[in-house]
Protein backbone atom coordinates (compact mmCIF):
# COMPACT_ATOMS: atom_id res chain seq x y z
CA MET A 1 16.05 36.01 19.90
CA GLY A 2 13.77 33.04 19.28
CA TRP A 3 11.95 33.67 22.56
CA LEU A 4 11.30 37.31 21.69
CA ILE A 5 9.85 36.42 18.29
CA PHE A 6 7.63 33.72 19.81
CA LEU A 7 6.30 36.05 22.53
CA LEU A 8 5.74 38.81 19.97
CA PHE A 9 3.55 36.52 17.86
CA ALA A 10 1.65 35.38 20.95
CA LEU A 11 0.88 38.98 21.91
CA ILE A 12 -0.22 39.78 18.36
CA VAL A 13 -2.60 36.80 18.38
CA VAL A 14 -4.10 37.88 21.73
CA ALA A 15 -4.54 41.46 20.52
CA LEU A 16 -6.24 40.43 17.28
CA LEU A 17 -8.57 38.01 19.02
CA TRP A 18 -9.50 40.62 21.64
CA ARG A 19 -10.16 43.27 18.98
CA PHE A 20 -11.78 41.26 16.18
CA GLY A 21 -12.39 37.75 17.44
CA ARG A 22 -15.78 38.34 19.15
CA LEU A 23 -15.12 35.45 21.49
CA PRO A 24 -17.89 34.20 23.78
CA LYS A 25 -17.73 34.72 27.52
CA GLY A 26 -14.72 32.95 28.92
CA GLY A 27 -13.17 32.66 25.46
CA MET A 28 -10.18 34.83 26.24
CA GLU A 29 -9.33 32.64 29.22
CA MET A 30 -9.31 29.57 26.93
CA VAL A 31 -7.10 31.34 24.40
CA ALA A 32 -4.71 32.41 27.15
CA ALA A 33 -4.54 28.83 28.41
CA ALA A 34 -3.81 27.54 24.90
CA LEU A 35 -1.04 30.08 24.43
CA PHE A 36 0.38 29.20 27.82
CA LEU A 37 0.52 25.54 26.77
CA ALA A 38 2.21 26.52 23.50
CA VAL A 39 4.83 28.52 25.39
CA ALA A 40 5.40 25.62 27.76
CA GLY A 41 5.79 23.20 24.85
CA TYR A 42 8.22 25.52 23.13
CA ALA A 43 10.24 25.86 26.33
CA TRP A 44 10.34 22.09 26.65
CA GLN A 45 11.11 21.07 23.06
CA GLY A 46 12.28 24.21 21.31
CA SER A 47 15.92 25.15 20.76
CA PRO A 48 15.96 28.89 20.11
CA GLY A 49 19.68 29.09 20.78
CA LEU A 50 20.60 26.92 17.81
CA SER A 51 21.50 28.56 14.54
CA GLY A 52 19.26 27.96 11.54
CA LYS A 53 20.26 25.22 9.14
CA PRO A 54 18.15 24.70 6.01
CA THR A 55 17.48 21.11 5.02
CA PRO A 56 19.42 20.25 1.87
CA ALA A 57 17.37 19.16 -1.13
CA PRO A 58 17.47 15.40 -1.72
CA GLU A 59 19.59 14.26 -4.59
CA THR A 60 17.66 12.94 -7.55
CA ALA A 61 19.23 9.65 -8.52
CA LYS A 62 18.67 9.01 -12.19
CA ILE A 63 18.61 5.47 -13.54
CA PRO A 64 21.01 4.84 -16.45
CA ASP A 65 19.56 4.49 -19.92
CA SER A 66 18.48 1.00 -20.90
CA ALA A 67 20.21 -0.84 -23.74
CA PHE A 68 17.11 -0.15 -25.82
CA ALA A 69 17.42 3.60 -25.24
CA LEU A 70 21.09 3.54 -26.25
CA GLU A 71 20.49 1.55 -29.45
CA ARG A 72 17.00 2.71 -30.39
CA GLU A 73 17.89 5.51 -32.78
CA LYS A 74 20.17 3.26 -34.85
CA LEU A 75 17.32 1.01 -35.94
CA LEU A 76 14.11 2.90 -35.23
CA GLY A 77 15.11 6.43 -36.15
CA ARG A 78 15.28 9.59 -34.11
CA PHE A 79 12.60 11.82 -35.67
CA GLY A 80 8.82 11.69 -35.89
CA SER A 81 5.88 11.18 -33.57
CA ASP A 82 6.82 7.62 -32.62
CA ALA A 83 10.38 8.65 -31.80
CA ASP A 84 9.06 11.46 -29.59
CA VAL A 85 6.86 9.02 -27.68
CA LEU A 86 9.74 6.58 -27.17
CA SER A 87 12.00 9.41 -26.02
CA SER A 88 9.39 10.40 -23.44
CA ALA A 89 9.16 6.79 -22.30
CA ASP A 90 12.95 6.68 -21.93
CA ALA A 91 12.76 9.79 -19.76
CA PHE A 92 10.20 8.12 -17.49
CA HIS A 93 12.45 5.05 -17.22
CA ARG A 94 15.34 7.24 -16.10
CA GLN A 95 13.15 8.48 -13.24
CA GLY A 96 12.05 4.97 -12.32
CA LEU A 97 8.49 5.67 -13.51
CA ASN A 98 8.17 2.51 -15.57
CA LEU A 99 4.37 2.34 -15.47
CA TYR A 100 4.19 5.87 -16.85
CA ALA A 101 6.48 4.78 -19.71
CA ILE A 102 4.17 1.87 -20.49
CA GLY A 103 1.14 4.15 -20.25
CA ILE A 104 2.42 6.78 -22.66
CA ILE A 105 3.29 4.13 -25.26
CA LYS A 106 -0.09 2.44 -24.90
CA GLY A 107 -1.78 5.81 -25.33
CA ALA A 108 0.11 6.38 -28.59
CA LEU A 109 -0.75 2.86 -29.78
CA GLU A 110 -4.44 3.64 -29.44
CA LYS A 111 -3.92 6.26 -32.14
CA ARG A 112 -1.36 4.34 -34.21
CA PRO A 113 -1.92 0.61 -33.61
CA LYS A 114 0.04 -0.34 -36.73
CA SER A 115 3.28 1.26 -35.57
CA ALA A 116 5.95 -1.43 -35.30
CA ASP A 117 8.27 1.01 -33.50
CA LEU A 118 5.72 1.62 -30.76
CA TRP A 119 5.11 -2.10 -30.29
CA VAL A 120 8.86 -2.62 -29.95
CA GLY A 121 8.97 0.21 -27.43
CA LEU A 122 6.11 -1.34 -25.48
CA GLY A 123 7.92 -4.68 -25.36
CA ASN A 124 11.04 -2.99 -24.03
CA ALA A 125 9.06 -0.95 -21.49
CA MET A 126 7.53 -4.15 -20.15
CA VAL A 127 10.96 -5.79 -19.92
CA VAL A 128 12.32 -2.82 -17.98
CA HIS A 129 9.29 -2.84 -15.68
CA GLY A 130 9.79 -6.56 -15.12
CA GLY A 131 13.35 -6.05 -13.95
CA GLY A 132 14.89 -7.36 -17.17
CA LEU A 133 12.67 -10.42 -17.54
CA MET A 134 10.90 -11.26 -20.78
CA SER A 135 7.27 -11.55 -19.77
CA PRO A 136 4.59 -13.07 -22.02
CA GLY A 137 3.17 -9.59 -22.57
CA ALA A 138 6.56 -8.21 -23.65
CA GLU A 139 7.15 -11.16 -25.96
CA LEU A 140 3.71 -10.66 -27.51
CA ALA A 141 4.50 -6.97 -28.13
CA PHE A 142 7.71 -7.83 -29.96
CA GLN A 143 5.89 -10.48 -32.01
CA ARG A 144 3.18 -7.99 -32.90
CA ALA A 145 5.84 -5.56 -34.12
CA ALA A 146 7.45 -8.27 -36.26
CA ALA A 147 4.07 -9.20 -37.77
CA ILE A 148 3.37 -5.58 -38.70
CA ALA A 149 6.79 -5.00 -40.26
CA PRO A 150 8.31 -8.41 -41.12
CA GLU A 151 11.24 -6.86 -43.02
CA HIS A 152 12.06 -4.34 -40.31
CA PRO A 153 15.24 -5.27 -38.40
CA GLY A 154 14.12 -3.46 -35.26
CA PRO A 155 11.64 -6.00 -33.82
CA PRO A 156 13.93 -9.06 -34.00
CA PHE A 157 17.01 -7.10 -32.96
CA PHE A 158 15.42 -5.72 -29.80
CA MET A 159 13.61 -8.98 -29.06
CA GLY A 160 16.99 -10.71 -29.12
CA LEU A 161 18.41 -7.96 -26.92
CA ALA A 162 15.61 -8.49 -24.41
CA TYR A 163 16.24 -12.25 -24.40
CA ALA A 164 19.96 -11.65 -23.84
CA GLN A 165 19.28 -9.28 -20.94
CA ALA A 166 16.99 -11.89 -19.40
CA GLY A 167 19.76 -14.51 -19.62
CA GLN A 168 17.99 -16.52 -22.33
CA LEU A 169 21.07 -16.70 -24.51
CA ASP A 170 19.94 -19.56 -26.74
CA ARG A 171 16.75 -17.74 -27.70
CA ALA A 172 18.64 -14.48 -28.24
CA GLU A 173 21.14 -16.26 -30.50
CA ALA A 174 18.38 -17.94 -32.50
CA VAL A 175 16.55 -14.66 -33.14
CA TRP A 176 19.72 -12.80 -34.05
CA ARG A 177 21.07 -15.51 -36.35
CA GLU A 178 17.80 -15.58 -38.25
CA LEU A 179 18.02 -11.80 -38.61
CA LEU A 180 21.65 -12.01 -39.73
CA ASP A 181 20.80 -14.60 -42.40
CA ARG A 182 18.45 -12.19 -44.12
CA ALA A 183 20.38 -8.99 -43.43
CA PRO A 184 21.71 -7.12 -46.48
CA ALA A 185 25.47 -7.24 -46.76
CA ASN A 186 25.67 -3.44 -46.64
CA ALA A 187 23.24 -2.93 -43.75
CA SER A 188 24.63 -0.35 -41.33
CA TRP A 189 23.51 -2.42 -38.33
CA ARG A 190 24.98 -5.72 -39.55
CA PRO A 191 28.45 -5.31 -37.92
CA GLU A 192 26.86 -4.62 -34.53
CA LEU A 193 24.62 -7.66 -34.88
CA GLU A 194 27.65 -9.82 -35.70
CA GLN A 195 29.45 -8.45 -32.65
CA ARG A 196 26.45 -9.25 -30.46
CA LEU A 197 26.48 -12.84 -31.69
CA ILE A 198 30.20 -13.12 -30.90
CA GLU A 199 29.50 -11.86 -27.38
CA ILE A 200 26.72 -14.43 -26.99
CA GLU A 201 29.13 -17.22 -27.96
CA GLN A 202 31.72 -15.91 -25.51
CA MET A 203 29.21 -15.75 -22.67
CA LYS A 204 28.00 -19.28 -23.38
CA GLY A 205 31.59 -20.48 -23.41
CA ARG A 206 32.31 -18.91 -20.03
CA MET A 207 29.15 -20.43 -18.60
CA ALA A 208 30.14 -23.86 -19.90
CA GLN A 209 33.47 -23.61 -18.07
């Protein structure tokens, strides 16, 4: 069946070129030679006897949400323009498009440079892009967020989280203990912060052994 279809198309091409092609003298001979080579190549490499098998679509492997994405709404909120930007950045991270995540946050910061939430998001995006390492640029972004909103628990909490992910447990503990010392007794995020500090102590104890 494959041969018949191939020959049919070849004949159609020859007929169209002869009728409408206006080929120069000797042109039809060149076309016939080209078609002959195509037939020979198909006979050599083609497999008309095999049944068709469509190529399956590649699976899209999504990257799990970062710790920042999982905890973000608890301290930074879930509604508003800044939250929408950070949600879009999280979506880029899940696709492995870390530079796009950084870019969309930087674009929003050009319009709202005093947003502590966006600076925190930028610091996290840089940490994710750096493979979990706290780069000077990421650290500066967290510090900028803390300077803009010194009473906001988000900047120190997520800075400590970034330090912990990078294996800098002493720095994470120092940032979190300072935050805990000034945290209101009824703060909704206080129990989680206390649990994080307990986990830090446990990890340091295992490392000491």
